[in-house]
């Protein structure tokens, strides 16, 4: 079950990396929300899943993950391969954030 939760978190971070708030704001668009979490909160996890020099997840990242609809995120996990993020780092986020869930991907 822990592995399933990790995949959900990977999907969360991946989806956050797909869309960047800056171009949206420049075009007059509003930031997006996915699976119950605002984009800017999801982006707080990106430094923890980079390919080079990932950092431990911040309190903001862990808060974002804990507030997400993990079942929704599980449905998006197939997007991960295309973003250049480290899936191994991403799958470790739930454990690093001490998040427990019964969600199965």
PDB file of N, CA and C in Angstrom:
ATOM      1  N   UNK A   1       0.809  -1.195   0.000  1.00  0.00           N
ATOM      2  CA  UNK A   1       0.000   0.000   0.000  1.00  0.00           C
ATOM      3  C   UNK A   1       0.853   1.260   0.000  1.00  0.00           C
ATOM      4  N   UNK A   2       1.977   1.226   0.696  1.00  0.00           N
ATOM      5  CA  UNK A   2       2.831   2.409   0.739  1.00  0.00           C
ATOM      6  C   UNK A   2       3.342   2.764  -0.654  1.00  0.00           C
ATOM      7  N   UNK A   3       3.658   1.765  -1.455  1.00  0.00           N
ATOM      8  CA  UNK A   3       4.115   2.017  -2.816  1.00  0.00           C
ATOM      9  C   UNK A   3       3.016   2.700  -3.622  1.00  0.00           C
ATOM     10  N   UNK A   4       1.763   2.279  -3.440  1.00  0.00           N
ATOM     11  CA  UNK A   4       0.648   2.901  -4.147  1.00  0.00           C
ATOM     12  C   UNK A   4       0.524   4.374  -3.780  1.00  0.00           C
ATOM     13  N   UNK A   5       0.688   4.692  -2.531  1.00  0.00           N
ATOM     14  CA  UNK A   5       0.631   6.082  -2.090  1.00  0.00           C
ATOM     15  C   UNK A   5       1.763   6.868  -2.715  1.00  0.00           C
ATOM     16  N   UNK A   6       2.919   6.265  -2.796  1.00  0.00           N
ATOM     17  CA  UNK A   6       4.068   6.938  -3.390  1.00  0.00           C
ATOM     18  C   UNK A   6       3.791   7.285  -4.853  1.00  0.00           C
ATOM     19  N   UNK A   7       3.165   6.385  -5.569  1.00  0.00           N
ATOM     20  CA  UNK A   7       2.828   6.681  -6.963  1.00  0.00           C
ATOM     21  C   UNK A   7       1.855   7.851  -7.050  1.00  0.00           C
ATOM     22  N   UNK A   8       0.946   7.939  -6.113  1.00  0.00           N
ATOM     23  CA  UNK A   8       0.012   9.069  -6.112  1.00  0.00           C
ATOM     24  C   UNK A   8       0.758  10.379  -5.933  1.00  0.00           C
ATOM     25  N   UNK A   9       1.738  10.380  -5.072  1.00  0.00           N
ATOM     26  CA  UNK A   9       2.503  11.594  -4.835  1.00  0.00           C
ATOM     27  C   UNK A   9       3.346  11.934  -6.056  1.00  0.00           C
ATOM     28  N   UNK A  10       3.888  10.936  -6.688  1.00  0.00           N
ATOM     29  CA  UNK A  10       4.644  11.176  -7.916  1.00  0.00           C
ATOM     30  C   UNK A  10       3.746  11.868  -8.938  1.00  0.00           C
ATOM     31  N   UNK A  11       2.532  11.385  -9.070  1.00  0.00           N
ATOM     32  CA  UNK A  11       1.605  12.001 -10.015  1.00  0.00           C
ATOM     33  C   UNK A  11       1.324  13.449  -9.647  1.00  0.00           C
ATOM     34  N   UNK A  12       1.203  13.706  -8.373  1.00  0.00           N
ATOM     35  CA  UNK A  12       0.984  15.074  -7.905  1.00  0.00           C
ATOM     36  C   UNK A  12       2.110  15.994  -8.322  1.00  0.00           C
ATOM     37  N   UNK A  13       3.316  15.584  -8.064  1.00  0.00           N
ATOM     38  CA  UNK A  13       4.470  16.412  -8.391  1.00  0.00           C
ATOM     39  C   UNK A  13       4.612  16.561  -9.900  1.00  0.00           C
ATOM     40  N   UNK A  14       4.380  15.502 -10.617  1.00  0.00           N
ATOM     41  CA  UNK A  14       4.455  15.550 -12.070  1.00  0.00           C
ATOM     42  C   UNK A  14       3.464  16.546 -12.647  1.00  0.00           C
ATOM     43  N   UNK A  15       2.258  16.456 -12.216  1.00  0.00           N
ATOM     44  CA  UNK A  15       1.243  17.367 -12.737  1.00  0.00           C
ATOM     45  C   UNK A  15       1.581  18.817 -12.411  1.00  0.00           C
ATOM     46  N   UNK A  16       2.153  19.038 -11.247  1.00  0.00           N
ATOM     47  CA  UNK A  16       2.550  20.400 -10.876  1.00  0.00           C
ATOM     48  C   UNK A  16       3.637  20.925 -11.798  1.00  0.00           C
ATOM     49  N   UNK A  17       4.499  20.054 -12.244  1.00  0.00           N
ATOM     50  CA  UNK A  17       5.597  20.486 -13.106  1.00  0.00           C
ATOM     51  C   UNK A  17       5.143  20.760 -14.538  1.00  0.00           C
ATOM     52  N   UNK A  18       4.024  20.198 -14.939  1.00  0.00           N
ATOM     53  CA  UNK A  18       3.550  20.373 -16.306  1.00  0.00           C
ATOM     54  C   UNK A  18       3.180  21.823 -16.589  1.00  0.00           C
ATOM     55  N   UNK A  19       2.525  22.425 -15.652  1.00  0.00           N
ATOM     56  CA  UNK A  19       2.055  23.792 -15.852  1.00  0.00           C
ATOM     57  C   UNK A  19       2.808  24.708 -14.906  1.00  0.00           C
ATOM     58  N   UNK A  20       3.320  25.796 -15.434  1.00  0.00           N
ATOM     59  CA  UNK A  20       4.034  26.762 -14.604  1.00  0.00           C
ATOM     60  C   UNK A  20       3.175  28.010 -14.480  1.00  0.00           C
ATOM     61  N   UNK A  21       3.041  28.504 -13.294  1.00  0.00           N
ATOM     62  CA  UNK A  21       2.192  29.648 -12.984  1.00  0.00           C
ATOM     63  C   UNK A  21       2.603  30.913 -13.732  1.00  0.00           C
ATOM     64  N   UNK A  22       3.878  31.149 -13.956  1.00  0.00           N
ATOM     65  CA  UNK A  22       4.335  32.407 -14.546  1.00  0.00           C
ATOM     66  C   UNK A  22       3.766  32.664 -15.938  1.00  0.00           C
ATOM     67  N   UNK A  23       3.831  31.725 -16.885  1.00  0.00           N
ATOM     68  CA  UNK A  23       3.235  31.990 -18.194  1.00  0.00           C
ATOM     69  C   UNK A  23       1.727  32.209 -18.110  1.00  0.00           C
ATOM     70  N   UNK A  24       1.079  31.515 -17.222  1.00  0.00           N
ATOM     71  CA  UNK A  24      -0.357  31.678 -17.080  1.00  0.00           C
ATOM     72  C   UNK A  24      -0.687  33.089 -16.624  1.00  0.00           C
ATOM     73  N   UNK A  25       0.046  33.570 -15.635  1.00  0.00           N
ATOM     74  CA  UNK A  25      -0.221  34.900 -15.110  1.00  0.00           C
ATOM     75  C   UNK A  25       0.085  35.959 -16.167  1.00  0.00           C
ATOM     76  N   UNK A  26       1.116  35.751 -16.957  1.00  0.00           N
ATOM     77  CA  UNK A  26       1.473  36.708 -18.001  1.00  0.00           C
ATOM     78  C   UNK A  26       0.366  36.819 -19.048  1.00  0.00           C
ATOM     79  N   UNK A  27      -0.360  35.746 -19.251  1.00  0.00           N
ATOM     80  CA  UNK A  27      -1.450  35.741 -20.228  1.00  0.00           C
ATOM     81  C   UNK A  27      -2.799  36.088 -19.602  1.00  0.00           C
ATOM     82  N   UNK A  28      -2.782  36.488 -18.339  1.00  0.00           N
ATOM     83  CA  UNK A  28      -4.018  36.864 -17.669  1.00  0.00           C
ATOM     84  C   UNK A  28      -4.852  35.693 -17.197  1.00  0.00           C
ATOM     85  N   UNK A  29      -4.288  34.500 -17.191  1.00  0.00           N
ATOM     86  CA  UNK A  29      -5.005  33.324 -16.728  1.00  0.00           C
ATOM     87  C   UNK A  29      -4.764  33.135 -15.239  1.00  0.00           C
ATOM     88  N   UNK A  30      -5.661  32.471 -14.596  1.00  0.00           N
ATOM     89  CA  UNK A  30      -5.502  32.227 -13.169  1.00  0.00           C
ATOM     90  C   UNK A  30      -4.800  30.898 -12.948  1.00  0.00           C
ATOM     91  N   UNK A  31      -4.117  30.747 -11.809  1.00  0.00           N
ATOM     92  CA  UNK A  31      -3.474  29.466 -11.496  1.00  0.00           C
ATOM     93  C   UNK A  31      -4.521  28.352 -11.429  1.00  0.00           C
ATOM     94  N   UNK A  32      -4.087  27.137 -11.652  1.00  0.00           N
ATOM     95  CA  UNK A  32      -4.987  26.002 -11.677  1.00  0.00           C
ATOM     96  C   UNK A  32      -4.973  25.248 -10.358  1.00  0.00           C
ATOM     97  N   UNK A  33      -5.914  24.368 -10.231  1.00  0.00           N
ATOM     98  CA  UNK A  33      -6.005  23.480  -9.084  1.00  0.00           C
ATOM     99  C   UNK A  33      -6.201  22.076  -9.629  1.00  0.00           C
ATOM    100  N   UNK A  34      -5.580  21.107  -8.983  1.00  0.00           N
ATOM    101  CA  UNK A  34      -5.729  19.727  -9.417  1.00  0.00           C
ATOM    102  C   UNK A  34      -5.905  18.827  -8.212  1.00  0.00           C
ATOM    103  N   UNK A  35      -6.867  17.977  -8.296  1.00  0.00           N
ATOM    104  CA  UNK A  35      -7.113  16.982  -7.255  1.00  0.00           C
ATOM    105  C   UNK A  35      -7.240  17.629  -5.872  1.00  0.00           C
ATOM    106  N   UNK A  36      -7.839  18.804  -5.845  1.00  0.00           N
ATOM    107  CA  UNK A  36      -8.107  19.472  -4.584  1.00  0.00           C
ATOM    108  C   UNK A  36      -6.976  20.312  -4.030  1.00  0.00           C
ATOM    109  N   UNK A  37      -5.916  20.496  -4.803  1.00  0.00           N
ATOM    110  CA  UNK A  37      -4.768  21.267  -4.320  1.00  0.00           C
ATOM    111  C   UNK A  37      -4.404  22.330  -5.349  1.00  0.00           C
ATOM    112  N   UNK A  38      -4.197  23.549  -4.878  1.00  0.00           N
ATOM    113  CA  UNK A  38      -3.825  24.653  -5.762  1.00  0.00           C
ATOM    114  C   UNK A  38      -2.425  24.442  -6.329  1.00  0.00           C
ATOM    115  N   UNK A  39      -2.234  24.916  -7.546  1.00  0.00           N
ATOM    116  CA  UNK A  39      -0.963  24.748  -8.267  1.00  0.00           C
ATOM    117  C   UNK A  39       0.239  25.232  -7.469  1.00  0.00           C
ATOM    118  N   UNK A  40       0.139  26.396  -6.855  1.00  0.00           N
ATOM    119  CA  UNK A  40       1.306  26.918  -6.136  1.00  0.00           C
ATOM    120  C   UNK A  40       1.697  26.028  -4.963  1.00  0.00           C
ATOM    121  N   UNK A  41       0.737  25.338  -4.379  1.00  0.00           N
ATOM    122  CA  UNK A  41       1.057  24.402  -3.295  1.00  0.00           C
ATOM    123  C   UNK A  41       1.747  23.161  -3.857  1.00  0.00           C
ATOM    124  N   UNK A  42       1.272  22.679  -5.001  1.00  0.00           N
ATOM    125  CA  UNK A  42       1.901  21.511  -5.619  1.00  0.00           C
ATOM    126  C   UNK A  42       3.339  21.805  -6.026  1.00  0.00           C
ATOM    127  N   UNK A  43       3.579  23.006  -6.519  1.00  0.00           N
ATOM    128  CA  UNK A  43       4.923  23.375  -6.964  1.00  0.00           C
ATOM    129  C   UNK A  43       5.935  23.355  -5.825  1.00  0.00           C
ATOM    130  N   UNK A  44       5.475  23.430  -4.595  1.00  0.00           N
ATOM    131  CA  UNK A  44       6.403  23.401  -3.464  1.00  0.00           C
ATOM    132  C   UNK A  44       7.124  22.056  -3.355  1.00  0.00           C
ATOM    133  N   UNK A  45       6.633  21.034  -4.031  1.00  0.00           N
ATOM    134  CA  UNK A  45       7.274  19.713  -3.997  1.00  0.00           C
ATOM    135  C   UNK A  45       8.325  19.524  -5.088  1.00  0.00           C
ATOM    136  N   UNK A  46       8.329  20.369  -6.078  1.00  0.00           N
ATOM    137  CA  UNK A  46       9.227  20.178  -7.218  1.00  0.00           C
ATOM    138  C   UNK A  46      10.705  20.081  -6.822  1.00  0.00           C
ATOM    139  N   UNK A  47      11.224  20.922  -5.906  1.00  0.00           N
ATOM    140  CA  UNK A  47      12.647  20.805  -5.547  1.00  0.00           C
ATOM    141  C   UNK A  47      13.016  19.455  -4.923  1.00  0.00           C
ATOM    142  N   UNK A  48      12.031  18.741  -4.434  1.00  0.00           N
ATOM    143  CA  UNK A  48      12.286  17.451  -3.791  1.00  0.00           C
ATOM    144  C   UNK A  48      12.346  16.285  -4.759  1.00  0.00           C
ATOM    145  N   UNK A  49      12.011  16.513  -6.013  1.00  0.00           N
ATOM    146  CA  UNK A  49      11.988  15.421  -6.986  1.00  0.00           C
ATOM    147  C   UNK A  49      12.796  15.726  -8.240  1.00  0.00           C
ATOM    148  N   UNK A  50      13.680  16.694  -8.155  1.00  0.00           N
ATOM    149  CA  UNK A  50      14.526  17.013  -9.302  1.00  0.00           C
ATOM    150  C   UNK A  50      15.552  15.911  -9.517  1.00  0.00           C
ATOM    151  N   UNK A  51      16.067  15.826 -10.724  1.00  0.00           N
ATOM    152  CA  UNK A  51      17.061  14.797 -11.041  1.00  0.00           C
ATOM    153  C   UNK A  51      18.401  15.064 -10.367  1.00  0.00           C
ATOM    154  N   UNK A  52      18.751  16.330 -10.200  1.00  0.00           N
ATOM    155  CA  UNK A  52      20.021  16.660  -9.557  1.00  0.00           C
ATOM    156  C   UNK A  52      19.771  17.425  -8.267  1.00  0.00           C
ATOM    157  N   UNK A  53      20.433  17.011  -7.238  1.00  0.00           N
ATOM    158  CA  UNK A  53      20.397  17.668  -5.934  1.00  0.00           C
ATOM    159  C   UNK A  53      18.996  17.874  -5.362  1.00  0.00           C
ATOM    160  N   UNK A  54      18.191  16.814  -5.282  1.00  0.00           N
ATOM    161  CA  UNK A  54      16.877  16.990  -4.657  1.00  0.00           C
ATOM    162  C   UNK A  54      17.043  17.314  -3.173  1.00  0.00           C
ATOM    163  N   UNK A  55      16.120  18.089  -2.654  1.00  0.00           N
ATOM    164  CA  UNK A  55      16.157  18.481  -1.244  1.00  0.00           C
ATOM    165  C   UNK A  55      15.029  17.772  -0.500  1.00  0.00           C
ATOM    166  N   UNK A  56      15.130  17.670   0.816  1.00  0.00           N
ATOM    167  CA  UNK A  56      14.020  17.077   1.573  1.00  0.00           C
ATOM    168  C   UNK A  56      12.738  17.886   1.353  1.00  0.00           C
ATOM    169  N   UNK A  57      11.585  17.232   1.403  1.00  0.00           N
ATOM    170  CA  UNK A  57      10.338  17.969   1.197  1.00  0.00           C
ATOM    171  C   UNK A  57      10.126  19.004   2.297  1.00  0.00           C
ATOM    172  N   UNK A  58       9.648  20.152   1.890  1.00  0.00           N
ATOM    173  CA  UNK A  58       9.365  21.227   2.839  1.00  0.00           C
ATOM    174  C   UNK A  58       8.042  20.952   3.551  1.00  0.00           C
ATOM    175  N   UNK A  59       7.798  21.714   4.594  1.00  0.00           N
ATOM    176  CA  UNK A  59       6.511  21.617   5.287  1.00  0.00           C
ATOM    177  C   UNK A  59       5.377  21.955   4.323  1.00  0.00           C
ATOM    178  N   UNK A  60       5.614  22.913   3.430  1.00  0.00           N
ATOM    179  CA  UNK A  60       4.592  23.293   2.446  1.00  0.00           C
ATOM    180  C   UNK A  60       4.290  22.136   1.497  1.00  0.00           C
ATOM    181  N   UNK A  61       5.325  21.428   1.070  1.00  0.00           N
ATOM    182  CA  UNK A  61       5.139  20.272   0.193  1.00  0.00           C
ATOM    183  C   UNK A  61       4.323  19.194   0.905  1.00  0.00           C
ATOM    184  N   UNK A  62       4.715  18.877   2.106  1.00  0.00           N
ATOM    185  CA  UNK A  62       4.006  17.839   2.860  1.00  0.00           C
ATOM    186  C   UNK A  62       2.556  18.233   3.117  1.00  0.00           C
ATOM    187  N   UNK A  63       2.331  19.503   3.381  1.00  0.00           N
ATOM    188  CA  UNK A  63       0.969  19.986   3.578  1.00  0.00           C
ATOM    189  C   UNK A  63       0.151  19.828   2.298  1.00  0.00           C
ATOM    190  N   UNK A  64       0.750  20.154   1.168  1.00  0.00           N
ATOM    191  CA  UNK A  64       0.062  20.017  -0.117  1.00  0.00           C
ATOM    192  C   UNK A  64      -0.307  18.567  -0.383  1.00  0.00           C
ATOM    193  N   UNK A  65       0.620  17.679  -0.148  1.00  0.00           N
ATOM    194  CA  UNK A  65       0.386  16.261  -0.385  1.00  0.00           C
ATOM    195  C   UNK A  65      -0.707  15.733   0.537  1.00  0.00           C
ATOM    196  N   UNK A  66      -0.655  16.129   1.794  1.00  0.00           N
ATOM    197  CA  UNK A  66      -1.632  15.613   2.750  1.00  0.00           C
ATOM    198  C   UNK A  66      -3.044  16.112   2.458  1.00  0.00           C
ATOM    199  N   UNK A  67      -3.166  17.237   1.750  1.00  0.00           N
ATOM    200  CA  UNK A  67      -4.482  17.769   1.424  1.00  0.00           C
ATOM    201  C   UNK A  67      -5.014  17.351   0.069  1.00  0.00           C
ATOM    202  N   UNK A  68      -4.251  16.572  -0.657  1.00  0.00           N
ATOM    203  CA  UNK A  68      -4.641  16.182  -2.013  1.00  0.00           C
ATOM    204  C   UNK A  68      -5.589  14.988  -2.005  1.00  0.00           C
ATOM    205  N   UNK A  69      -6.379  14.889  -3.050  1.00  0.00           N
ATOM    206  CA  UNK A  69      -7.216  13.720  -3.292  1.00  0.00           C
ATOM    207  C   UNK A  69      -6.318  12.689  -3.970  1.00  0.00           C
ATOM    208  N   UNK A  70      -5.795  11.761  -3.185  1.00  0.00           N
ATOM    209  CA  UNK A  70      -4.814  10.814  -3.709  1.00  0.00           C
ATOM    210  C   UNK A  70      -5.401   9.874  -4.753  1.00  0.00           C
ATOM    211  N   UNK A  71      -6.677   9.559  -4.652  1.00  0.00           N
ATOM    212  CA  UNK A  71      -7.304   8.727  -5.688  1.00  0.00           C
ATOM    213  C   UNK A  71      -7.280   9.445  -7.027  1.00  0.00           C
ATOM    214  N   UNK A  72      -7.554  10.732  -6.997  1.00  0.00           N
ATOM    215  CA  UNK A  72      -7.503  11.544  -8.213  1.00  0.00           C
ATOM    216  C   UNK A  72      -6.086  11.549  -8.776  1.00  0.00           C
ATOM    217  N   UNK A  73      -5.113  11.728  -7.903  1.00  0.00           N
ATOM    218  CA  UNK A  73      -3.724  11.773  -8.356  1.00  0.00           C
ATOM    219  C   UNK A  73      -3.275  10.445  -8.947  1.00  0.00           C
ATOM    220  N   UNK A  74      -3.778   9.363  -8.403  1.00  0.00           N
ATOM    221  CA  UNK A  74      -3.424   8.047  -8.946  1.00  0.00           C
ATOM    222  C   UNK A  74      -3.801   7.935 -10.416  1.00  0.00           C
ATOM    223  N   UNK A  75      -4.885   8.569 -10.786  1.00  0.00           N
ATOM    224  CA  UNK A  75      -5.327   8.492 -12.175  1.00  0.00           C
ATOM    225  C   UNK A  75      -4.396   9.251 -13.117  1.00  0.00           C
ATOM    226  N   UNK A  76      -3.484  10.034 -12.576  1.00  0.00           N
ATOM    227  CA  UNK A  76      -2.577  10.842 -13.390  1.00  0.00           C
ATOM    228  C   UNK A  76      -1.127  10.354 -13.356  1.00  0.00           C
ATOM    229  N   UNK A  77      -0.875   9.240 -12.715  1.00  0.00           N
ATOM    230  CA  UNK A  77       0.506   8.793 -12.542  1.00  0.00           C
ATOM    231  C   UNK A  77       1.202   8.434 -13.850  1.00  0.00           C
ATOM    232  N   UNK A  78       0.463   8.141 -14.901  1.00  0.00           N
ATOM    233  CA  UNK A  78       1.095   7.777 -16.171  1.00  0.00           C
ATOM    234  C   UNK A  78       1.815   8.953 -16.826  1.00  0.00           C
ATOM    235  N   UNK A  79       1.606  10.155 -16.347  1.00  0.00           N
ATOM    236  CA  UNK A  79       2.250  11.343 -16.911  1.00  0.00           C
ATOM    237  C   UNK A  79       3.713  11.497 -16.496  1.00  0.00           C
ATOM    238  N   UNK A  80       4.152  10.774 -15.519  1.00  0.00           N
ATOM    239  CA  UNK A  80       5.456  10.992 -14.905  1.00  0.00           C
ATOM    240  C   UNK A  80       6.651  10.863 -15.835  1.00  0.00           C
ATOM    241  N   UNK A  81       6.633   9.926 -16.706  1.00  0.00           N
ATOM    242  CA  UNK A  81       7.808   9.622 -17.520  1.00  0.00           C
ATOM    243  C   UNK A  81       8.271  10.780 -18.396  1.00  0.00           C
ATOM    244  N   UNK A  82       7.383  11.667 -18.767  1.00  0.00           N
ATOM    245  CA  UNK A  82       7.722  12.718 -19.725  1.00  0.00           C
ATOM    246  C   UNK A  82       8.284  14.000 -19.122  1.00  0.00           C
ATOM    247  N   UNK A  83       8.351  14.120 -17.817  1.00  0.00           N
ATOM    248  CA  UNK A  83       8.669  15.414 -17.224  1.00  0.00           C
ATOM    249  C   UNK A  83      10.098  15.633 -16.753  1.00  0.00           C
ATOM    250  N   UNK A  84      10.919  14.622 -16.793  1.00  0.00           N
ATOM    251  CA  UNK A  84      12.296  14.823 -16.363  1.00  0.00           C
ATOM    252  C   UNK A  84      12.457  14.924 -14.859  1.00  0.00           C
ATOM    253  N   UNK A  85      11.493  14.436 -14.117  1.00  0.00           N
ATOM    254  CA  UNK A  85      11.597  14.397 -12.662  1.00  0.00           C
ATOM    255  C   UNK A  85      12.050  13.005 -12.249  1.00  0.00           C
ATOM    256  N   UNK A  86      12.607  12.906 -11.068  1.00  0.00           N
ATOM    257  CA  UNK A  86      13.104  11.630 -10.575  1.00  0.00           C
ATOM    258  C   UNK A  86      11.974  10.870  -9.882  1.00  0.00           C
ATOM    259  N   UNK A  87      11.445   9.837 -10.528  1.00  0.00           N
ATOM    260  CA  UNK A  87      10.340   9.093  -9.927  1.00  0.00           C
ATOM    261  C   UNK A  87      10.717   8.449  -8.603  1.00  0.00           C
ATOM    262  N   UNK A  88      11.977   8.050  -8.459  1.00  0.00           N
ATOM    263  CA  UNK A  88      12.397   7.448  -7.196  1.00  0.00           C
ATOM    264  C   UNK A  88      12.299   8.445  -6.050  1.00  0.00           C
ATOM    265  N   UNK A  89      12.719   9.678  -6.305  1.00  0.00           N
ATOM    266  CA  UNK A  89      12.596  10.716  -5.279  1.00  0.00           C
ATOM    267  C   UNK A  89      11.122  11.000  -4.983  1.00  0.00           C
ATOM    268  N   UNK A  90      10.329  11.068  -6.031  1.00  0.00           N
ATOM    269  CA  UNK A  90       8.909  11.376  -5.856  1.00  0.00           C
ATOM    270  C   UNK A  90       8.189  10.297  -5.060  1.00  0.00           C
ATOM    271  N   UNK A  91       8.527   9.042  -5.314  1.00  0.00           N
ATOM    272  CA  UNK A  91       7.846   7.967  -4.594  1.00  0.00           C
ATOM    273  C   UNK A  91       8.236   7.914  -3.127  1.00  0.00           C
ATOM    274  N   UNK A  92       9.292   8.605  -2.751  1.00  0.00           N
ATOM    275  CA  UNK A  92       9.707   8.642  -1.351  1.00  0.00           C
ATOM    276  C   UNK A  92       9.032   9.759  -0.551  1.00  0.00           C
ATOM    277  N   UNK A  93       8.349  10.670  -1.226  1.00  0.00           N
ATOM    278  CA  UNK A  93       7.744  11.805  -0.528  1.00  0.00           C
ATOM    279  C   UNK A  93       6.757  11.416   0.573  1.00  0.00           C
ATOM    280  N   UNK A  94       5.840  10.481   0.361  1.00  0.00           N
ATOM    281  CA  UNK A  94       4.904  10.163   1.451  1.00  0.00           C
ATOM    282  C   UNK A  94       5.621   9.708   2.717  1.00  0.00           C
ATOM    283  N   UNK A  95       6.601   8.846   2.571  1.00  0.00           N
ATOM    284  CA  UNK A  95       7.334   8.385   3.747  1.00  0.00           C
ATOM    285  C   UNK A  95       8.088   9.535   4.402  1.00  0.00           C
ATOM    286  N   UNK A  96       8.696  10.383   3.584  1.00  0.00           N
ATOM    287  CA  UNK A  96       9.437  11.523   4.125  1.00  0.00           C
ATOM    288  C   UNK A  96       8.514  12.520   4.814  1.00  0.00           C
ATOM    289  N   UNK A  97       7.266  12.560   4.387  1.00  0.00           N
ATOM    290  CA  UNK A  97       6.279  13.472   4.981  1.00  0.00           C
ATOM    291  C   UNK A  97       5.438  12.797   6.068  1.00  0.00           C
ATOM    292  N   UNK A  98       5.707  11.533   6.340  1.00  0.00           N
ATOM    293  CA  UNK A  98       4.941  10.771   7.338  1.00  0.00           C
ATOM    294  C   UNK A  98       3.443  10.763   7.032  1.00  0.00           C
ATOM    295  N   UNK A  99       3.111  10.562   5.769  1.00  0.00           N
ATOM    296  CA  UNK A  99       1.708  10.526   5.347  1.00  0.00           C
ATOM    297  C   UNK A  99       1.267   9.072   5.236  1.00  0.00           C
ATOM    298  N   UNK A 100       0.157   8.769   5.904  1.00  0.00           N
ATOM    299  CA  UNK A 100      -0.410   7.428   5.841  1.00  0.00           C
ATOM    300  C   UNK A 100      -1.743   7.510   5.115  1.00  0.00           C
ATOM    301  N   UNK A 101      -1.983   6.536   4.256  1.00  0.00           N
ATOM    302  CA  UNK A 101      -3.237   6.516   3.502  1.00  0.00           C
ATOM    303  C   UNK A 101      -3.590   5.088   3.119  1.00  0.00           C
ATOM    304  N   UNK A 102      -4.837   4.887   2.783  1.00  0.00           N
ATOM    305  CA  UNK A 102      -5.285   3.572   2.314  1.00  0.00           C
ATOM    306  C   UNK A 102      -5.516   3.569   0.810  1.00  0.00           C
ATOM    307  N   UNK A 103      -5.183   4.656   0.143  1.00  0.00           N
ATOM    308  CA  UNK A 103      -5.376   4.758  -1.304  1.00  0.00           C
ATOM    309  C   UNK A 103      -4.476   3.763  -2.017  1.00  0.00           C
ATOM    310  N   UNK A 104      -5.072   3.051  -2.965  1.00  0.00           N
ATOM    311  CA  UNK A 104      -4.309   2.112  -3.792  1.00  0.00           C
ATOM    312  C   UNK A 104      -4.391   2.564  -5.237  1.00  0.00           C
ATOM    313  N   UNK A 105      -3.233   2.694  -5.859  1.00  0.00           N
ATOM    314  CA  UNK A 105      -3.214   3.092  -7.274  1.00  0.00           C
ATOM    315  C   UNK A 105      -3.247   1.876  -8.174  1.00  0.00           C
TER     316      UNK A 105
END
